[in-house]
């Protein structure tokens, strides 16, 4: 399926933060014709930032980019999904990922374990991210200079991951970054 960003649907909702008088603009961006989520797939990417307004003031904004539909309910649930605490996988202080599954279904990652995977769906050509476990510092992503995860080197991949990579060289595997670790940008 071919996604054209010119046809994105923007829904703007204004929400008042309970602890502050600031308003946060929440923008939900849905792609037309999105598919059902795979098991543990990231259903939405969330970006939090301050938008500079014409008068020079800052406006807090959260942008939800919906990737797929959760079975039987929307990915971004609001009040209707309060009974299910969705996993919010924090990559940085400003970027997070949301899953359909409850946070309780994810264990904490062991050192070197693959925290998330990126693959291309052969049928649609769509790139998707799957969460496997949660990094120990998920609640404090600000302790990292860059992202909380880093791409695994080829020799660090399991036999199964090497098989994925052999079949689809665009597949990527990420482990939790150790506190104070330097950034590594390549696979090999």
N, C-alpha and C. Protein backbone atom coordinates (compact mmCIF):
# COMPACT_ATOMS: atom_id res chain seq x y z
N UNK A 1 0.84 -1.17 0.00
CA UNK A 1 0.00 0.00 0.00
C UNK A 1 0.89 1.24 0.00
N UNK A 2 0.54 2.22 -0.73
CA UNK A 2 1.32 3.42 -0.89
C UNK A 2 0.75 4.51 0.02
N UNK A 3 1.57 5.03 0.96
CA UNK A 3 1.11 6.08 1.86
C UNK A 3 1.59 7.42 1.35
N UNK A 4 0.69 8.34 1.20
CA UNK A 4 1.05 9.68 0.76
C UNK A 4 0.74 10.63 1.89
N UNK A 5 1.79 11.32 2.36
CA UNK A 5 1.62 12.19 3.51
C UNK A 5 0.78 13.42 3.21
N UNK A 6 0.56 13.72 1.94
CA UNK A 6 -0.31 14.83 1.59
C UNK A 6 -1.76 14.59 1.99
N UNK A 7 -2.12 13.34 2.21
CA UNK A 7 -3.50 13.01 2.55
C UNK A 7 -3.67 12.64 4.01
N UNK A 8 -2.75 13.08 4.85
CA UNK A 8 -2.87 12.79 6.27
C UNK A 8 -4.05 13.55 6.87
N UNK A 9 -4.67 12.93 7.82
CA UNK A 9 -5.80 13.55 8.49
C UNK A 9 -5.30 14.10 9.81
N UNK A 10 -5.48 15.37 10.04
CA UNK A 10 -5.05 15.99 11.29
C UNK A 10 -6.27 16.26 12.15
N UNK A 11 -6.17 15.81 13.36
CA UNK A 11 -7.22 16.07 14.33
C UNK A 11 -6.57 16.85 15.46
N UNK A 12 -7.06 18.01 15.74
CA UNK A 12 -6.47 18.85 16.76
C UNK A 12 -7.39 18.91 17.96
N UNK A 13 -6.85 18.55 19.09
CA UNK A 13 -7.61 18.55 20.33
C UNK A 13 -6.82 19.36 21.34
N UNK A 14 -7.47 20.21 22.07
CA UNK A 14 -6.79 20.99 23.08
C UNK A 14 -7.10 20.39 24.45
N UNK A 15 -6.06 20.11 25.20
CA UNK A 15 -6.20 19.49 26.50
C UNK A 15 -5.48 20.35 27.53
N UNK A 16 -6.11 20.62 28.65
CA UNK A 16 -5.45 21.38 29.71
C UNK A 16 -4.72 20.41 30.63
N UNK A 17 -3.45 20.69 30.91
CA UNK A 17 -2.70 19.83 31.82
C UNK A 17 -3.20 20.06 33.24
N UNK A 18 -3.37 18.99 33.98
CA UNK A 18 -3.92 19.08 35.32
C UNK A 18 -2.99 19.82 36.26
N UNK A 19 -1.67 19.66 36.08
CA UNK A 19 -0.73 20.24 37.02
C UNK A 19 -0.28 21.65 36.64
N UNK A 20 -0.65 22.12 35.46
CA UNK A 20 -0.20 23.43 35.01
C UNK A 20 -1.36 24.17 34.35
N UNK A 21 -1.17 25.46 34.17
CA UNK A 21 -2.18 26.25 33.47
C UNK A 21 -1.93 26.26 31.97
N UNK A 22 -0.80 25.69 31.54
CA UNK A 22 -0.48 25.65 30.11
C UNK A 22 -1.44 24.73 29.39
N UNK A 23 -1.75 25.06 28.16
CA UNK A 23 -2.51 24.16 27.31
C UNK A 23 -1.54 23.33 26.48
N UNK A 24 -1.88 22.08 26.28
CA UNK A 24 -1.07 21.21 25.43
C UNK A 24 -1.93 20.88 24.22
N UNK A 25 -1.42 21.19 23.05
CA UNK A 25 -2.12 20.81 21.83
C UNK A 25 -1.75 19.37 21.52
N UNK A 26 -2.76 18.53 21.34
CA UNK A 26 -2.54 17.13 21.00
C UNK A 26 -2.98 16.95 19.56
N UNK A 27 -2.07 16.47 18.73
CA UNK A 27 -2.36 16.28 17.31
C UNK A 27 -2.28 14.78 17.02
N UNK A 28 -3.33 14.22 16.48
CA UNK A 28 -3.36 12.82 16.08
C UNK A 28 -3.28 12.76 14.57
N UNK A 29 -2.24 12.11 14.06
CA UNK A 29 -2.04 11.99 12.62
C UNK A 29 -2.30 10.52 12.26
N UNK A 30 -3.33 10.29 11.45
CA UNK A 30 -3.66 8.93 11.02
C UNK A 30 -3.39 8.80 9.53
N UNK A 31 -2.80 7.69 9.15
CA UNK A 31 -2.60 7.42 7.73
C UNK A 31 -3.85 6.74 7.19
N UNK A 32 -4.30 7.11 6.02
CA UNK A 32 -5.47 6.43 5.46
C UNK A 32 -5.11 4.99 5.08
N UNK A 33 -6.03 4.08 5.33
CA UNK A 33 -5.83 2.69 4.94
C UNK A 33 -4.83 1.95 5.80
N UNK A 34 -4.66 2.36 7.05
CA UNK A 34 -3.71 1.65 7.90
C UNK A 34 -4.23 0.25 8.21
N UNK A 35 -3.32 -0.66 8.51
CA UNK A 35 -3.66 -2.06 8.74
C UNK A 35 -3.75 -2.35 10.23
N UNK A 36 -4.17 -3.56 10.58
CA UNK A 36 -4.19 -3.99 11.97
C UNK A 36 -2.76 -4.18 12.46
N UNK A 37 -2.54 -3.90 13.73
CA UNK A 37 -1.22 -4.05 14.32
C UNK A 37 -0.83 -5.52 14.44
N UNK A 38 0.44 -5.77 14.27
CA UNK A 38 1.00 -7.09 14.54
C UNK A 38 1.23 -7.20 16.05
N UNK A 39 1.53 -8.40 16.53
CA UNK A 39 1.78 -8.62 17.95
C UNK A 39 2.94 -7.75 18.42
N UNK A 40 2.72 -6.94 19.45
CA UNK A 40 3.71 -6.06 20.07
C UNK A 40 4.24 -4.97 19.15
N UNK A 41 3.51 -4.67 18.09
CA UNK A 41 3.92 -3.59 17.17
C UNK A 41 3.65 -2.23 17.81
N UNK A 42 4.47 -1.27 17.48
CA UNK A 42 4.26 0.11 17.92
C UNK A 42 3.08 0.66 17.12
N UNK A 43 1.98 0.96 17.82
CA UNK A 43 0.79 1.46 17.12
C UNK A 43 0.85 2.97 16.90
N UNK A 44 1.64 3.68 17.70
CA UNK A 44 1.78 5.13 17.51
C UNK A 44 3.13 5.59 18.02
N UNK A 45 3.73 6.52 17.29
CA UNK A 45 4.93 7.22 17.74
C UNK A 45 4.46 8.55 18.30
N UNK A 46 5.03 8.95 19.43
CA UNK A 46 4.60 10.17 20.10
C UNK A 46 5.80 11.11 20.21
N UNK A 47 5.62 12.34 19.79
CA UNK A 47 6.66 13.35 19.86
C UNK A 47 6.14 14.52 20.68
N UNK A 48 6.87 14.90 21.73
CA UNK A 48 6.52 16.02 22.59
C UNK A 48 7.53 17.13 22.35
N UNK A 49 7.05 18.34 22.13
CA UNK A 49 7.95 19.44 21.88
C UNK A 49 7.24 20.76 22.16
N UNK A 50 8.00 21.83 22.13
CA UNK A 50 7.44 23.17 22.30
C UNK A 50 7.45 23.86 20.94
N UNK A 51 6.28 24.23 20.47
CA UNK A 51 6.15 24.95 19.20
C UNK A 51 6.25 26.45 19.50
N UNK A 52 7.11 27.15 18.78
CA UNK A 52 7.25 28.59 18.95
C UNK A 52 6.15 29.28 18.15
N UNK A 53 5.35 30.09 18.83
CA UNK A 53 4.23 30.79 18.20
C UNK A 53 4.70 32.11 17.59
N UNK A 54 3.83 32.75 16.82
CA UNK A 54 4.19 34.02 16.15
C UNK A 54 4.59 35.10 17.12
N UNK A 55 3.98 35.10 18.32
CA UNK A 55 4.30 36.13 19.31
C UNK A 55 5.56 35.79 20.12
N UNK A 56 6.24 34.68 19.78
CA UNK A 56 7.46 34.29 20.47
C UNK A 56 7.25 33.40 21.67
N UNK A 57 6.00 33.19 22.04
CA UNK A 57 5.71 32.32 23.19
C UNK A 57 5.82 30.85 22.76
N UNK A 58 5.95 29.98 23.73
CA UNK A 58 6.04 28.56 23.46
C UNK A 58 4.72 27.86 23.74
N UNK A 59 4.33 26.94 22.88
CA UNK A 59 3.11 26.15 23.04
C UNK A 59 3.49 24.68 23.11
N UNK A 60 3.17 24.01 24.23
CA UNK A 60 3.47 22.59 24.35
C UNK A 60 2.60 21.81 23.37
N UNK A 61 3.21 20.81 22.69
CA UNK A 61 2.47 20.02 21.73
C UNK A 61 2.89 18.56 21.82
N UNK A 62 1.93 17.67 21.74
CA UNK A 62 2.16 16.23 21.63
C UNK A 62 1.59 15.79 20.30
N UNK A 63 2.42 15.16 19.48
CA UNK A 63 1.99 14.70 18.16
C UNK A 63 2.01 13.18 18.14
N UNK A 64 0.85 12.57 17.91
CA UNK A 64 0.70 11.12 17.84
C UNK A 64 0.62 10.72 16.38
N UNK A 65 1.58 9.93 15.89
CA UNK A 65 1.58 9.44 14.52
C UNK A 65 1.13 7.98 14.57
N UNK A 66 -0.10 7.74 14.19
CA UNK A 66 -0.66 6.39 14.30
C UNK A 66 -0.15 5.52 13.16
N UNK A 67 0.40 4.34 13.51
CA UNK A 67 0.98 3.43 12.54
C UNK A 67 0.04 2.31 12.13
N UNK A 68 -0.83 1.87 13.06
CA UNK A 68 -1.71 0.74 12.80
C UNK A 68 -2.88 0.79 13.78
N UNK A 69 -3.90 -0.04 13.53
CA UNK A 69 -5.07 -0.12 14.40
C UNK A 69 -4.94 -1.28 15.36
N UNK A 70 -5.25 -1.06 16.63
CA UNK A 70 -5.28 -2.13 17.62
C UNK A 70 -6.54 -2.97 17.41
N UNK A 71 -6.48 -4.26 17.70
CA UNK A 71 -7.67 -5.11 17.54
C UNK A 71 -8.82 -4.64 18.45
N UNK A 72 -9.91 -4.24 17.84
CA UNK A 72 -11.12 -3.89 18.59
C UNK A 72 -11.15 -2.54 19.25
N UNK A 73 -10.09 -1.76 19.17
CA UNK A 73 -10.09 -0.41 19.77
C UNK A 73 -9.01 0.44 19.14
N UNK A 74 -9.13 1.75 19.28
CA UNK A 74 -8.09 2.62 18.69
C UNK A 74 -6.78 2.54 19.47
N UNK A 75 -5.71 2.88 18.81
CA UNK A 75 -4.39 2.88 19.45
C UNK A 75 -4.34 3.95 20.53
N UNK A 76 -4.71 5.17 20.17
CA UNK A 76 -4.72 6.27 21.12
C UNK A 76 -6.10 6.28 21.75
N UNK A 77 -6.20 5.75 22.97
CA UNK A 77 -7.50 5.46 23.56
C UNK A 77 -8.12 6.58 24.36
N UNK A 78 -7.33 7.43 24.95
CA UNK A 78 -7.91 8.46 25.81
C UNK A 78 -8.61 7.82 26.99
N UNK A 79 -9.75 8.33 27.35
CA UNK A 79 -10.48 7.84 28.53
C UNK A 79 -11.08 6.46 28.34
N UNK A 80 -11.39 6.05 27.12
CA UNK A 80 -12.06 4.76 26.93
C UNK A 80 -11.15 3.56 27.18
N UNK A 81 -9.84 3.75 27.27
CA UNK A 81 -8.94 2.63 27.47
C UNK A 81 -8.22 2.65 28.80
N UNK A 82 -8.74 3.37 29.76
CA UNK A 82 -8.06 3.50 31.05
C UNK A 82 -7.91 2.18 31.80
N UNK A 83 -8.72 1.19 31.51
CA UNK A 83 -8.61 -0.09 32.19
C UNK A 83 -7.39 -0.88 31.72
N UNK A 84 -6.82 -0.53 30.58
CA UNK A 84 -5.65 -1.21 30.04
C UNK A 84 -4.51 -0.21 29.97
N UNK A 85 -3.53 -0.39 30.84
CA UNK A 85 -2.37 0.50 30.84
C UNK A 85 -1.45 0.11 29.70
N UNK A 86 -1.52 0.83 28.61
CA UNK A 86 -0.69 0.54 27.44
C UNK A 86 0.78 0.80 27.76
N UNK A 87 1.65 0.07 27.06
CA UNK A 87 3.08 0.30 27.22
C UNK A 87 3.45 1.60 26.52
N UNK A 88 4.15 2.47 27.22
CA UNK A 88 4.72 3.67 26.65
C UNK A 88 6.23 3.49 26.70
N UNK A 89 6.83 3.09 25.58
CA UNK A 89 8.26 2.83 25.47
C UNK A 89 8.93 4.15 25.17
N UNK A 90 9.72 4.64 26.10
CA UNK A 90 10.34 5.95 25.95
C UNK A 90 11.71 5.79 25.30
N UNK A 91 11.92 6.47 24.16
CA UNK A 91 13.19 6.42 23.45
C UNK A 91 14.08 7.59 23.88
N UNK A 92 13.48 8.76 24.02
CA UNK A 92 14.17 9.95 24.53
C UNK A 92 13.15 10.71 25.38
N UNK A 93 13.57 11.87 25.90
CA UNK A 93 12.60 12.69 26.65
C UNK A 93 11.48 13.21 25.76
N UNK A 94 11.73 13.30 24.46
CA UNK A 94 10.76 13.89 23.54
C UNK A 94 10.09 12.88 22.62
N UNK A 95 10.60 11.65 22.56
CA UNK A 95 10.05 10.65 21.65
C UNK A 95 9.70 9.38 22.42
N UNK A 96 8.45 8.91 22.23
CA UNK A 96 7.99 7.67 22.86
C UNK A 96 7.24 6.85 21.83
N UNK A 97 6.99 5.59 22.17
CA UNK A 97 6.24 4.68 21.30
C UNK A 97 5.17 4.00 22.14
N UNK A 98 3.99 3.83 21.55
CA UNK A 98 2.84 3.26 22.23
C UNK A 98 2.50 1.92 21.60
N UNK A 99 2.16 0.93 22.43
CA UNK A 99 1.75 -0.38 21.93
C UNK A 99 0.28 -0.63 22.26
N UNK A 100 -0.33 -1.60 21.59
CA UNK A 100 -1.70 -2.01 21.89
C UNK A 100 -1.73 -2.80 23.20
N UNK A 101 -0.67 -3.55 23.45
CA UNK A 101 -0.63 -4.44 24.61
C UNK A 101 -0.40 -3.67 25.90
N UNK A 102 -0.83 -4.28 26.99
CA UNK A 102 -0.65 -3.70 28.32
C UNK A 102 0.82 -3.73 28.72
N UNK A 103 1.24 -2.73 29.47
CA UNK A 103 2.63 -2.66 29.94
C UNK A 103 3.01 -3.90 30.73
N UNK A 104 2.05 -4.48 31.44
CA UNK A 104 2.33 -5.66 32.27
C UNK A 104 2.75 -6.88 31.44
N UNK A 105 2.53 -6.87 30.13
CA UNK A 105 2.91 -7.98 29.27
C UNK A 105 4.38 -7.94 28.84
N UNK A 106 5.08 -6.89 29.23
CA UNK A 106 6.48 -6.72 28.83
C UNK A 106 7.38 -6.83 30.05
N UNK A 107 8.41 -7.64 29.94
CA UNK A 107 9.38 -7.76 31.03
C UNK A 107 10.49 -6.72 30.83
N UNK A 108 11.32 -6.56 31.85
CA UNK A 108 12.46 -5.67 31.73
C UNK A 108 13.55 -6.38 30.93
N UNK A 109 14.21 -5.67 30.05
CA UNK A 109 15.26 -6.25 29.21
C UNK A 109 16.48 -6.64 30.04
N UNK A 110 17.07 -7.76 29.68
CA UNK A 110 18.35 -8.18 30.24
C UNK A 110 19.45 -7.51 29.42
N UNK A 111 20.67 -7.37 29.97
CA UNK A 111 21.77 -6.77 29.18
C UNK A 111 21.97 -7.52 27.86
N UNK A 112 22.03 -6.78 26.76
CA UNK A 112 22.25 -7.35 25.43
C UNK A 112 21.01 -7.89 24.75
N UNK A 113 19.89 -8.02 25.48
CA UNK A 113 18.66 -8.54 24.88
C UNK A 113 18.10 -7.53 23.88
N UNK A 114 17.45 -8.02 22.84
CA UNK A 114 16.85 -7.13 21.83
C UNK A 114 15.59 -6.50 22.39
N UNK A 115 15.64 -5.19 22.58
CA UNK A 115 14.51 -4.44 23.14
C UNK A 115 13.45 -4.16 22.07
N UNK A 116 13.91 -3.83 20.87
CA UNK A 116 12.97 -3.55 19.77
C UNK A 116 13.57 -3.98 18.45
N UNK A 117 12.68 -4.28 17.51
CA UNK A 117 13.09 -4.72 16.17
C UNK A 117 12.37 -3.85 15.15
N UNK A 118 13.02 -3.63 14.03
CA UNK A 118 12.40 -2.91 12.91
C UNK A 118 12.43 -3.81 11.69
N UNK A 119 11.26 -4.00 11.07
CA UNK A 119 11.16 -4.88 9.90
C UNK A 119 10.31 -4.22 8.82
N UNK A 120 10.37 -4.78 7.62
CA UNK A 120 9.52 -4.35 6.53
C UNK A 120 8.50 -5.45 6.26
N UNK A 121 7.22 -5.09 6.24
CA UNK A 121 6.16 -6.05 5.93
C UNK A 121 6.25 -6.39 4.45
N UNK A 122 6.45 -7.66 4.13
CA UNK A 122 6.62 -8.07 2.73
C UNK A 122 5.38 -7.81 1.89
N UNK A 123 4.19 -7.92 2.47
CA UNK A 123 2.95 -7.73 1.71
C UNK A 123 2.69 -6.27 1.37
N UNK A 124 2.97 -5.36 2.32
CA UNK A 124 2.61 -3.96 2.12
C UNK A 124 3.80 -3.04 1.87
N UNK A 125 5.01 -3.51 2.21
CA UNK A 125 6.19 -2.65 2.09
C UNK A 125 6.31 -1.66 3.23
N UNK A 126 5.41 -1.75 4.21
CA UNK A 126 5.38 -0.83 5.35
C UNK A 126 6.43 -1.24 6.38
N UNK A 127 7.17 -0.27 6.89
CA UNK A 127 8.15 -0.51 7.94
C UNK A 127 7.43 -0.45 9.28
N UNK A 128 7.71 -1.41 10.15
CA UNK A 128 7.09 -1.41 11.48
C UNK A 128 8.12 -1.74 12.55
N UNK A 129 7.82 -1.33 13.77
CA UNK A 129 8.68 -1.58 14.92
C UNK A 129 7.93 -2.44 15.91
N UNK A 130 8.62 -3.44 16.43
CA UNK A 130 8.04 -4.36 17.42
C UNK A 130 8.84 -4.22 18.71
N UNK A 131 8.14 -4.11 19.84
CA UNK A 131 8.79 -4.01 21.14
C UNK A 131 8.83 -5.40 21.77
N UNK A 132 9.99 -5.81 22.29
CA UNK A 132 10.14 -7.12 22.92
C UNK A 132 10.20 -7.04 24.44
N UNK A 133 10.85 -6.00 24.96
CA UNK A 133 11.00 -5.83 26.40
C UNK A 133 11.23 -4.34 26.66
N UNK A 134 11.27 -3.96 27.92
CA UNK A 134 11.37 -2.55 28.30
C UNK A 134 12.74 -2.28 28.92
N UNK A 135 13.39 -1.24 28.48
CA UNK A 135 14.70 -0.87 29.03
C UNK A 135 14.57 -0.50 30.51
N UNK A 136 15.59 -0.85 31.31
CA UNK A 136 15.52 -0.57 32.75
C UNK A 136 15.26 0.90 33.08
N UNK A 137 15.75 1.82 32.27
CA UNK A 137 15.57 3.25 32.54
C UNK A 137 14.40 3.85 31.77
N UNK A 138 13.38 3.06 31.45
CA UNK A 138 12.25 3.54 30.66
C UNK A 138 11.58 4.76 31.29
N UNK A 139 11.56 4.83 32.61
CA UNK A 139 10.90 5.95 33.28
C UNK A 139 11.80 7.18 33.39
N UNK A 140 13.09 7.04 33.01
CA UNK A 140 14.02 8.17 33.10
C UNK A 140 14.88 8.26 31.85
N UNK A 141 14.25 8.51 30.68
CA UNK A 141 15.02 8.54 29.44
C UNK A 141 15.99 9.72 29.36
N UNK A 142 15.83 10.71 30.21
CA UNK A 142 16.70 11.88 30.18
C UNK A 142 18.11 11.60 30.65
N UNK A 143 18.35 10.40 31.19
CA UNK A 143 19.69 10.08 31.66
C UNK A 143 20.62 9.68 30.52
N UNK A 144 20.11 9.65 29.29
CA UNK A 144 20.91 9.26 28.13
C UNK A 144 21.13 10.47 27.23
N UNK A 145 22.35 10.57 26.70
CA UNK A 145 22.69 11.69 25.82
C UNK A 145 21.95 11.60 24.50
N UNK A 146 21.81 10.39 23.98
CA UNK A 146 21.13 10.18 22.71
C UNK A 146 19.87 9.37 22.98
N UNK A 147 19.62 8.36 22.18
CA UNK A 147 18.46 7.50 22.37
C UNK A 147 18.73 6.45 23.44
N UNK A 148 17.66 5.91 24.01
CA UNK A 148 17.80 4.90 25.04
C UNK A 148 18.27 3.57 24.47
N UNK A 149 18.04 3.33 23.18
CA UNK A 149 18.48 2.09 22.56
C UNK A 149 19.58 2.37 21.55
N UNK A 150 20.33 1.32 21.24
CA UNK A 150 21.35 1.42 20.21
C UNK A 150 21.28 0.17 19.35
N UNK A 151 21.63 0.33 18.09
CA UNK A 151 21.56 -0.78 17.15
C UNK A 151 22.61 -1.82 17.49
N UNK A 152 22.21 -3.09 17.45
CA UNK A 152 23.14 -4.17 17.73
C UNK A 152 24.07 -4.38 16.54
N UNK A 153 25.32 -4.71 16.82
CA UNK A 153 26.26 -5.07 15.77
C UNK A 153 25.94 -6.47 15.28
N UNK A 154 26.37 -6.80 14.08
CA UNK A 154 26.02 -8.10 13.49
C UNK A 154 26.44 -9.26 14.39
N UNK A 155 27.64 -9.19 14.95
CA UNK A 155 28.12 -10.29 15.79
C UNK A 155 27.32 -10.42 17.10
N UNK A 156 26.54 -9.39 17.46
CA UNK A 156 25.72 -9.45 18.66
C UNK A 156 24.34 -10.07 18.39
N UNK A 157 24.00 -10.24 17.12
CA UNK A 157 22.69 -10.78 16.77
C UNK A 157 22.61 -12.26 17.09
N UNK A 158 21.41 -12.70 17.49
CA UNK A 158 21.19 -14.13 17.70
C UNK A 158 21.12 -14.80 16.33
N UNK A 159 21.13 -16.11 16.31
CA UNK A 159 21.02 -16.85 15.05
C UNK A 159 19.72 -16.51 14.33
N UNK A 160 18.63 -16.42 15.09
CA UNK A 160 17.33 -16.07 14.50
C UNK A 160 17.36 -14.65 13.91
N UNK A 161 17.97 -13.70 14.62
CA UNK A 161 18.07 -12.32 14.13
C UNK A 161 18.94 -12.25 12.88
N UNK A 162 20.01 -13.03 12.84
CA UNK A 162 20.85 -13.07 11.64
C UNK A 162 20.06 -13.61 10.45
N UNK A 163 19.16 -14.59 10.72
CA UNK A 163 18.29 -15.10 9.66
C UNK A 163 17.36 -14.04 9.12
N UNK A 164 16.77 -13.23 10.03
CA UNK A 164 15.91 -12.11 9.60
C UNK A 164 16.71 -11.17 8.72
N UNK A 165 17.92 -10.83 9.18
CA UNK A 165 18.76 -9.88 8.45
C UNK A 165 19.14 -10.43 7.08
N UNK A 166 19.38 -11.73 6.98
CA UNK A 166 19.72 -12.36 5.70
C UNK A 166 18.54 -12.26 4.73
N UNK A 167 17.32 -12.49 5.23
CA UNK A 167 16.12 -12.42 4.38
C UNK A 167 15.74 -10.98 4.04
N UNK A 168 15.99 -10.06 4.96
CA UNK A 168 15.59 -8.66 4.78
C UNK A 168 16.67 -7.78 5.38
N UNK A 169 17.55 -7.27 4.54
CA UNK A 169 18.69 -6.49 5.03
C UNK A 169 18.27 -5.15 5.64
N UNK A 170 16.99 -4.78 5.51
CA UNK A 170 16.53 -3.54 6.15
C UNK A 170 16.10 -3.78 7.59
N UNK A 171 16.08 -5.05 8.04
CA UNK A 171 15.75 -5.34 9.43
C UNK A 171 16.82 -4.77 10.35
N UNK A 172 16.38 -4.24 11.49
CA UNK A 172 17.29 -3.68 12.48
C UNK A 172 16.90 -4.20 13.85
N UNK A 173 17.89 -4.39 14.72
CA UNK A 173 17.67 -4.90 16.06
C UNK A 173 18.37 -3.97 17.04
N UNK A 174 17.67 -3.60 18.10
CA UNK A 174 18.17 -2.61 19.05
C UNK A 174 18.18 -3.17 20.46
N UNK A 175 19.24 -2.88 21.19
CA UNK A 175 19.34 -3.26 22.60
C UNK A 175 19.33 -1.98 23.43
N UNK A 176 19.11 -2.14 24.72
CA UNK A 176 19.11 -0.98 25.62
C UNK A 176 20.54 -0.46 25.75
N UNK A 177 20.66 0.83 25.71
CA UNK A 177 21.97 1.47 25.86
C UNK A 177 22.36 1.43 27.34
N UNK A 178 23.60 1.17 27.60
CA UNK A 178 24.08 1.23 28.97
C UNK A 178 24.32 2.68 29.32
N UNK A 179 24.02 3.06 30.55
CA UNK A 179 24.21 4.44 30.98
C UNK A 179 25.65 4.85 30.74
N UNK A 180 25.84 6.01 30.10
CA UNK A 180 27.17 6.54 29.81
C UNK A 180 27.81 5.98 28.56
N UNK A 181 27.11 5.08 27.83
CA UNK A 181 27.70 4.48 26.63
C UNK A 181 27.75 5.49 25.50
N UNK A 182 28.76 5.36 24.65
CA UNK A 182 28.89 6.24 23.48
C UNK A 182 27.98 5.75 22.37
N UNK A 183 27.56 6.65 21.52
CA UNK A 183 26.64 6.33 20.44
C UNK A 183 27.37 5.57 19.34
N UNK A 184 26.72 4.52 18.82
CA UNK A 184 27.25 3.74 17.70
C UNK A 184 26.21 3.78 16.61
N UNK A 185 26.56 4.13 15.39
CA UNK A 185 25.57 4.34 14.36
C UNK A 185 25.44 3.23 13.32
N UNK A 186 26.30 2.23 13.30
CA UNK A 186 26.26 1.25 12.24
C UNK A 186 25.93 -0.14 12.71
N UNK A 187 25.64 -1.01 11.77
CA UNK A 187 25.29 -2.38 12.08
C UNK A 187 26.53 -3.25 12.27
N UNK A 188 27.60 -2.95 11.56
CA UNK A 188 28.75 -3.86 11.58
C UNK A 188 29.88 -3.32 12.41
